[in-house]
């Protein structure tokens, strides 16, 4: 019974830590974007399209602070490129879409 209680405690802690790391409404997360400028992620934009946090976390992204994303991976259909492929959402490989994520 003690082991069950310990496992349950750890699971509850993981759920709350994950919630605390999520992008709250009205806030954004910024990532270094190299020469193209920083990348600004607004969770509200995606939520307004009907997406939930779990649609991407942890299926496409690990909940890990400081994670690195590359355009090469996106072109391979990984990370943002899994949806931003020109079919489901705008294509990350089209130059006219750069400013939708990258801010100078």
N, C-alpha and C. Protein backbone atom coordinates (compact mmCIF):
# COMPACT_ATOMS: atom_id res chain seq x y z
N UNK A 1 0.81 -1.19 0.00
CA UNK A 1 0.00 0.00 0.00
C UNK A 1 0.86 1.27 0.00
N UNK A 2 2.03 1.21 0.68
CA UNK A 2 2.91 2.37 0.72
C UNK A 2 3.47 2.67 -0.67
N UNK A 3 3.77 1.62 -1.41
CA UNK A 3 4.31 1.81 -2.76
C UNK A 3 3.26 2.46 -3.65
N UNK A 4 2.03 2.02 -3.55
CA UNK A 4 0.94 2.60 -4.33
C UNK A 4 0.78 4.09 -4.00
N UNK A 5 0.82 4.42 -2.72
CA UNK A 5 0.68 5.81 -2.30
C UNK A 5 1.85 6.65 -2.83
N UNK A 6 3.04 6.10 -2.81
CA UNK A 6 4.21 6.82 -3.32
C UNK A 6 4.10 7.06 -4.82
N UNK A 7 3.68 6.05 -5.55
CA UNK A 7 3.51 6.18 -7.00
C UNK A 7 2.43 7.21 -7.32
N UNK A 8 1.33 7.16 -6.60
CA UNK A 8 0.24 8.12 -6.81
C UNK A 8 0.71 9.54 -6.51
N UNK A 9 1.50 9.72 -5.49
CA UNK A 9 2.02 11.04 -5.15
C UNK A 9 2.91 11.58 -6.27
N UNK A 10 3.76 10.74 -6.81
CA UNK A 10 4.64 11.15 -7.90
C UNK A 10 3.83 11.52 -9.13
N UNK A 11 2.82 10.73 -9.46
CA UNK A 11 1.98 11.02 -10.63
C UNK A 11 1.26 12.35 -10.48
N UNK A 12 0.73 12.61 -9.32
CA UNK A 12 0.04 13.88 -9.08
C UNK A 12 1.02 15.05 -9.20
N UNK A 13 2.21 14.88 -8.66
CA UNK A 13 3.23 15.94 -8.76
C UNK A 13 3.58 16.23 -10.22
N UNK A 14 3.72 15.18 -11.03
CA UNK A 14 4.05 15.35 -12.45
C UNK A 14 2.94 16.12 -13.17
N UNK A 15 1.70 15.82 -12.87
CA UNK A 15 0.57 16.51 -13.49
C UNK A 15 0.60 17.99 -13.15
N UNK A 16 0.82 18.31 -11.89
CA UNK A 16 0.83 19.72 -11.48
C UNK A 16 2.05 20.46 -12.00
N UNK A 17 3.18 19.82 -12.07
CA UNK A 17 4.38 20.46 -12.62
C UNK A 17 4.16 20.75 -14.10
N UNK A 18 3.56 19.81 -14.83
CA UNK A 18 3.26 20.01 -16.24
C UNK A 18 2.32 21.18 -16.45
N UNK A 19 1.33 21.32 -15.59
CA UNK A 19 0.39 22.43 -15.70
C UNK A 19 1.08 23.75 -15.42
N UNK A 20 1.99 23.75 -14.46
CA UNK A 20 2.70 24.97 -14.11
C UNK A 20 3.62 25.42 -15.24
N UNK A 21 4.10 24.50 -16.06
CA UNK A 21 5.01 24.83 -17.14
C UNK A 21 4.28 25.25 -18.41
N UNK A 22 2.97 25.06 -18.46
CA UNK A 22 2.20 25.39 -19.66
C UNK A 22 2.15 26.91 -19.84
N UNK A 23 1.90 27.35 -21.07
CA UNK A 23 1.80 28.78 -21.37
C UNK A 23 0.40 29.24 -20.99
N UNK A 24 0.29 30.07 -19.95
CA UNK A 24 -1.03 30.52 -19.51
C UNK A 24 -1.64 31.51 -20.50
N UNK A 25 -2.96 31.70 -20.46
CA UNK A 25 -3.61 32.64 -21.37
C UNK A 25 -3.01 34.04 -21.25
N UNK A 26 -2.80 34.68 -22.39
CA UNK A 26 -2.26 36.03 -22.41
C UNK A 26 -0.75 36.10 -22.30
N UNK A 27 -0.08 34.97 -22.20
CA UNK A 27 1.37 34.93 -22.09
C UNK A 27 1.96 34.24 -23.31
N UNK A 28 3.25 34.48 -23.55
CA UNK A 28 3.94 33.84 -24.65
C UNK A 28 5.25 33.23 -24.14
N UNK A 29 5.82 32.36 -24.93
CA UNK A 29 7.14 31.80 -24.65
C UNK A 29 8.03 32.19 -25.82
N UNK A 30 9.24 32.64 -25.50
CA UNK A 30 10.17 33.04 -26.55
C UNK A 30 11.36 32.09 -26.58
N UNK A 31 11.78 31.77 -27.78
CA UNK A 31 12.94 30.90 -28.03
C UNK A 31 13.93 31.67 -28.88
N UNK A 32 15.22 31.45 -28.65
CA UNK A 32 16.23 32.06 -29.51
C UNK A 32 16.04 31.50 -30.91
N UNK A 33 15.98 32.36 -31.89
CA UNK A 33 15.70 31.91 -33.25
C UNK A 33 16.86 32.07 -34.20
N UNK A 34 18.06 32.28 -33.69
CA UNK A 34 19.22 32.43 -34.56
C UNK A 34 19.12 33.69 -35.39
N UNK A 35 19.63 33.65 -36.60
CA UNK A 35 19.65 34.81 -37.47
C UNK A 35 18.28 35.27 -37.93
N UNK A 36 17.30 34.39 -37.86
CA UNK A 36 15.95 34.74 -38.32
C UNK A 36 15.16 35.50 -37.27
N UNK A 37 15.70 35.65 -36.06
CA UNK A 37 15.00 36.34 -34.98
C UNK A 37 14.39 35.34 -34.03
N UNK A 38 14.04 35.84 -32.84
CA UNK A 38 13.46 34.97 -31.82
C UNK A 38 12.12 34.41 -32.29
N UNK A 39 11.78 33.25 -31.78
CA UNK A 39 10.50 32.62 -32.09
C UNK A 39 9.58 32.86 -30.89
N UNK A 40 8.41 33.38 -31.18
CA UNK A 40 7.43 33.66 -30.14
C UNK A 40 6.28 32.69 -30.28
N UNK A 41 6.06 31.88 -29.22
CA UNK A 41 4.95 30.93 -29.22
C UNK A 41 3.84 31.47 -28.33
N UNK A 42 2.64 31.57 -28.89
CA UNK A 42 1.47 32.01 -28.14
C UNK A 42 0.49 30.84 -28.08
N UNK A 43 0.34 30.25 -26.91
CA UNK A 43 -0.55 29.11 -26.74
C UNK A 43 -1.99 29.43 -27.09
N UNK A 44 -2.42 30.69 -26.89
CA UNK A 44 -3.79 31.09 -27.17
C UNK A 44 -4.12 30.94 -28.65
N UNK A 45 -3.15 31.27 -29.50
CA UNK A 45 -3.37 31.15 -30.94
C UNK A 45 -3.72 29.71 -31.30
N UNK A 46 -3.02 28.77 -30.72
CA UNK A 46 -3.28 27.36 -31.00
C UNK A 46 -4.57 26.90 -30.32
N UNK A 47 -4.82 27.37 -29.11
CA UNK A 47 -6.06 27.01 -28.40
C UNK A 47 -7.28 27.52 -29.16
N UNK A 48 -7.17 28.71 -29.75
CA UNK A 48 -8.28 29.27 -30.53
C UNK A 48 -8.60 28.42 -31.76
N UNK A 49 -7.63 27.60 -32.20
CA UNK A 49 -7.85 26.69 -33.34
C UNK A 49 -8.41 25.35 -32.87
N UNK A 50 -8.65 25.24 -31.54
CA UNK A 50 -9.24 24.01 -31.00
C UNK A 50 -8.23 23.00 -30.48
N UNK A 51 -6.96 23.39 -30.41
CA UNK A 51 -5.94 22.46 -29.93
C UNK A 51 -5.82 22.51 -28.41
N UNK A 52 -5.48 21.40 -27.85
CA UNK A 52 -5.22 21.26 -26.41
C UNK A 52 -3.72 21.06 -26.23
N UNK A 53 -3.22 21.37 -25.05
CA UNK A 53 -1.79 21.21 -24.76
C UNK A 53 -1.31 19.79 -25.08
N UNK A 54 -2.12 18.80 -24.71
CA UNK A 54 -1.72 17.40 -24.92
C UNK A 54 -1.70 16.98 -26.38
N UNK A 55 -2.24 17.79 -27.27
CA UNK A 55 -2.15 17.46 -28.69
C UNK A 55 -0.70 17.49 -29.17
N UNK A 56 0.10 18.33 -28.54
CA UNK A 56 1.52 18.43 -28.92
C UNK A 56 2.46 17.92 -27.83
N UNK A 57 2.09 18.14 -26.59
CA UNK A 57 2.92 17.69 -25.46
C UNK A 57 2.34 16.39 -24.93
N UNK A 58 2.97 15.36 -24.88
CA UNK A 58 4.35 15.03 -25.14
C UNK A 58 4.50 14.24 -26.43
N UNK A 59 3.51 14.31 -27.28
CA UNK A 59 3.57 13.58 -28.55
C UNK A 59 4.64 14.16 -29.48
N UNK A 60 4.69 15.48 -29.60
CA UNK A 60 5.65 16.13 -30.49
C UNK A 60 6.79 16.80 -29.73
N UNK A 61 6.49 17.29 -28.55
CA UNK A 61 7.47 18.03 -27.76
C UNK A 61 7.56 17.44 -26.37
N UNK A 62 8.76 17.35 -25.87
CA UNK A 62 8.95 16.97 -24.48
C UNK A 62 8.75 18.21 -23.63
N UNK A 63 8.24 18.05 -22.45
CA UNK A 63 8.05 19.18 -21.54
C UNK A 63 9.39 19.43 -20.87
N UNK A 64 10.29 20.07 -21.58
CA UNK A 64 11.65 20.26 -21.10
C UNK A 64 12.08 21.69 -21.37
N UNK A 65 12.39 22.42 -20.31
CA UNK A 65 12.82 23.79 -20.45
C UNK A 65 14.15 23.83 -21.20
N UNK A 66 14.27 24.77 -22.12
CA UNK A 66 15.51 24.93 -22.87
C UNK A 66 15.65 23.99 -24.06
N UNK A 67 14.56 23.34 -24.45
CA UNK A 67 14.62 22.43 -25.60
C UNK A 67 14.99 23.20 -26.86
N UNK A 68 15.75 22.58 -27.73
CA UNK A 68 16.18 23.20 -28.98
C UNK A 68 15.36 22.63 -30.14
N UNK A 69 14.85 23.52 -30.97
CA UNK A 69 14.11 23.13 -32.16
C UNK A 69 14.87 23.68 -33.36
N UNK A 70 14.93 22.91 -34.42
CA UNK A 70 15.63 23.39 -35.61
C UNK A 70 14.71 23.35 -36.83
N UNK A 71 15.01 24.23 -37.77
CA UNK A 71 14.24 24.25 -39.01
C UNK A 71 14.45 22.95 -39.79
N UNK A 72 15.64 22.38 -39.71
CA UNK A 72 15.92 21.12 -40.41
C UNK A 72 14.97 20.03 -39.90
N UNK A 73 14.75 19.98 -38.59
CA UNK A 73 13.83 18.98 -38.03
C UNK A 73 12.40 19.25 -38.49
N UNK A 74 12.03 20.52 -38.57
CA UNK A 74 10.67 20.85 -39.01
C UNK A 74 10.46 20.44 -40.46
N UNK A 75 11.48 20.62 -41.28
CA UNK A 75 11.39 20.21 -42.69
C UNK A 75 11.21 18.70 -42.81
N UNK A 76 11.69 17.96 -41.79
CA UNK A 76 11.54 16.50 -41.77
C UNK A 76 10.19 16.08 -41.17
N UNK A 77 9.35 17.06 -40.81
CA UNK A 77 8.04 16.75 -40.23
C UNK A 77 8.08 16.51 -38.74
N UNK A 78 9.14 16.96 -38.09
CA UNK A 78 9.25 16.82 -36.64
C UNK A 78 8.86 18.14 -35.98
N UNK A 79 8.59 18.09 -34.68
CA UNK A 79 8.26 19.28 -33.90
C UNK A 79 7.12 20.05 -34.57
N UNK A 80 7.27 21.35 -34.74
CA UNK A 80 6.22 22.17 -35.35
C UNK A 80 5.87 21.69 -36.75
N UNK A 81 6.86 21.14 -37.46
CA UNK A 81 6.66 20.68 -38.83
C UNK A 81 5.69 19.53 -38.97
N UNK A 82 5.33 18.88 -37.85
CA UNK A 82 4.35 17.80 -37.92
C UNK A 82 2.99 18.32 -38.37
N UNK A 83 2.66 19.54 -37.97
CA UNK A 83 1.39 20.15 -38.39
C UNK A 83 1.61 21.27 -39.40
N UNK A 84 2.70 22.03 -39.21
CA UNK A 84 2.98 23.15 -40.09
C UNK A 84 3.71 22.65 -41.32
N UNK A 85 2.94 21.93 -42.16
CA UNK A 85 3.49 21.27 -43.34
C UNK A 85 2.80 21.72 -44.63
N UNK A 86 1.94 22.72 -44.51
CA UNK A 86 1.22 23.21 -45.69
C UNK A 86 -0.10 22.51 -45.91
N UNK A 87 -0.38 21.45 -45.18
CA UNK A 87 -1.64 20.73 -45.31
C UNK A 87 -2.55 21.05 -44.12
N UNK A 88 -2.06 20.79 -42.94
CA UNK A 88 -2.85 21.04 -41.72
C UNK A 88 -2.76 22.50 -41.30
N UNK A 89 -1.60 23.09 -41.44
CA UNK A 89 -1.36 24.50 -41.09
C UNK A 89 -0.31 25.05 -42.04
N UNK A 90 -0.08 26.36 -41.98
CA UNK A 90 0.88 26.96 -42.91
C UNK A 90 2.22 26.24 -42.85
N UNK A 91 2.92 26.25 -43.97
CA UNK A 91 4.17 25.51 -44.11
C UNK A 91 5.35 26.31 -43.58
N UNK A 92 6.12 25.70 -42.68
CA UNK A 92 7.29 26.37 -42.11
C UNK A 92 8.40 26.54 -43.13
N UNK A 93 8.35 25.84 -44.24
CA UNK A 93 9.43 25.93 -45.23
C UNK A 93 9.20 27.03 -46.26
N UNK A 94 8.00 27.66 -46.26
CA UNK A 94 7.72 28.75 -47.19
C UNK A 94 8.22 30.06 -46.60
N UNK A 95 9.10 30.74 -47.30
CA UNK A 95 9.74 31.96 -46.79
C UNK A 95 8.74 33.04 -46.40
N UNK A 96 7.61 33.11 -47.08
CA UNK A 96 6.62 34.15 -46.74
C UNK A 96 5.98 33.92 -45.37
N UNK A 97 6.19 32.75 -44.77
CA UNK A 97 5.62 32.45 -43.46
C UNK A 97 6.58 32.68 -42.30
N UNK A 98 7.82 33.04 -42.59
CA UNK A 98 8.84 33.17 -41.53
C UNK A 98 8.38 34.11 -40.41
N UNK A 99 7.84 35.27 -40.78
CA UNK A 99 7.47 36.28 -39.78
C UNK A 99 6.28 35.86 -38.91
N UNK A 100 5.62 34.77 -39.26
CA UNK A 100 4.51 34.30 -38.41
C UNK A 100 5.03 33.75 -37.08
N UNK A 101 6.28 33.31 -37.07
CA UNK A 101 6.89 32.79 -35.84
C UNK A 101 8.11 33.58 -35.41
N UNK A 102 8.94 33.96 -36.38
CA UNK A 102 10.20 34.65 -36.06
C UNK A 102 9.95 36.16 -35.99
N UNK A 103 10.40 36.76 -34.90
CA UNK A 103 10.27 38.20 -34.67
C UNK A 103 11.66 38.81 -34.54
N UNK A 104 11.93 39.83 -35.32
CA UNK A 104 13.24 40.51 -35.26
C UNK A 104 13.31 41.42 -34.06
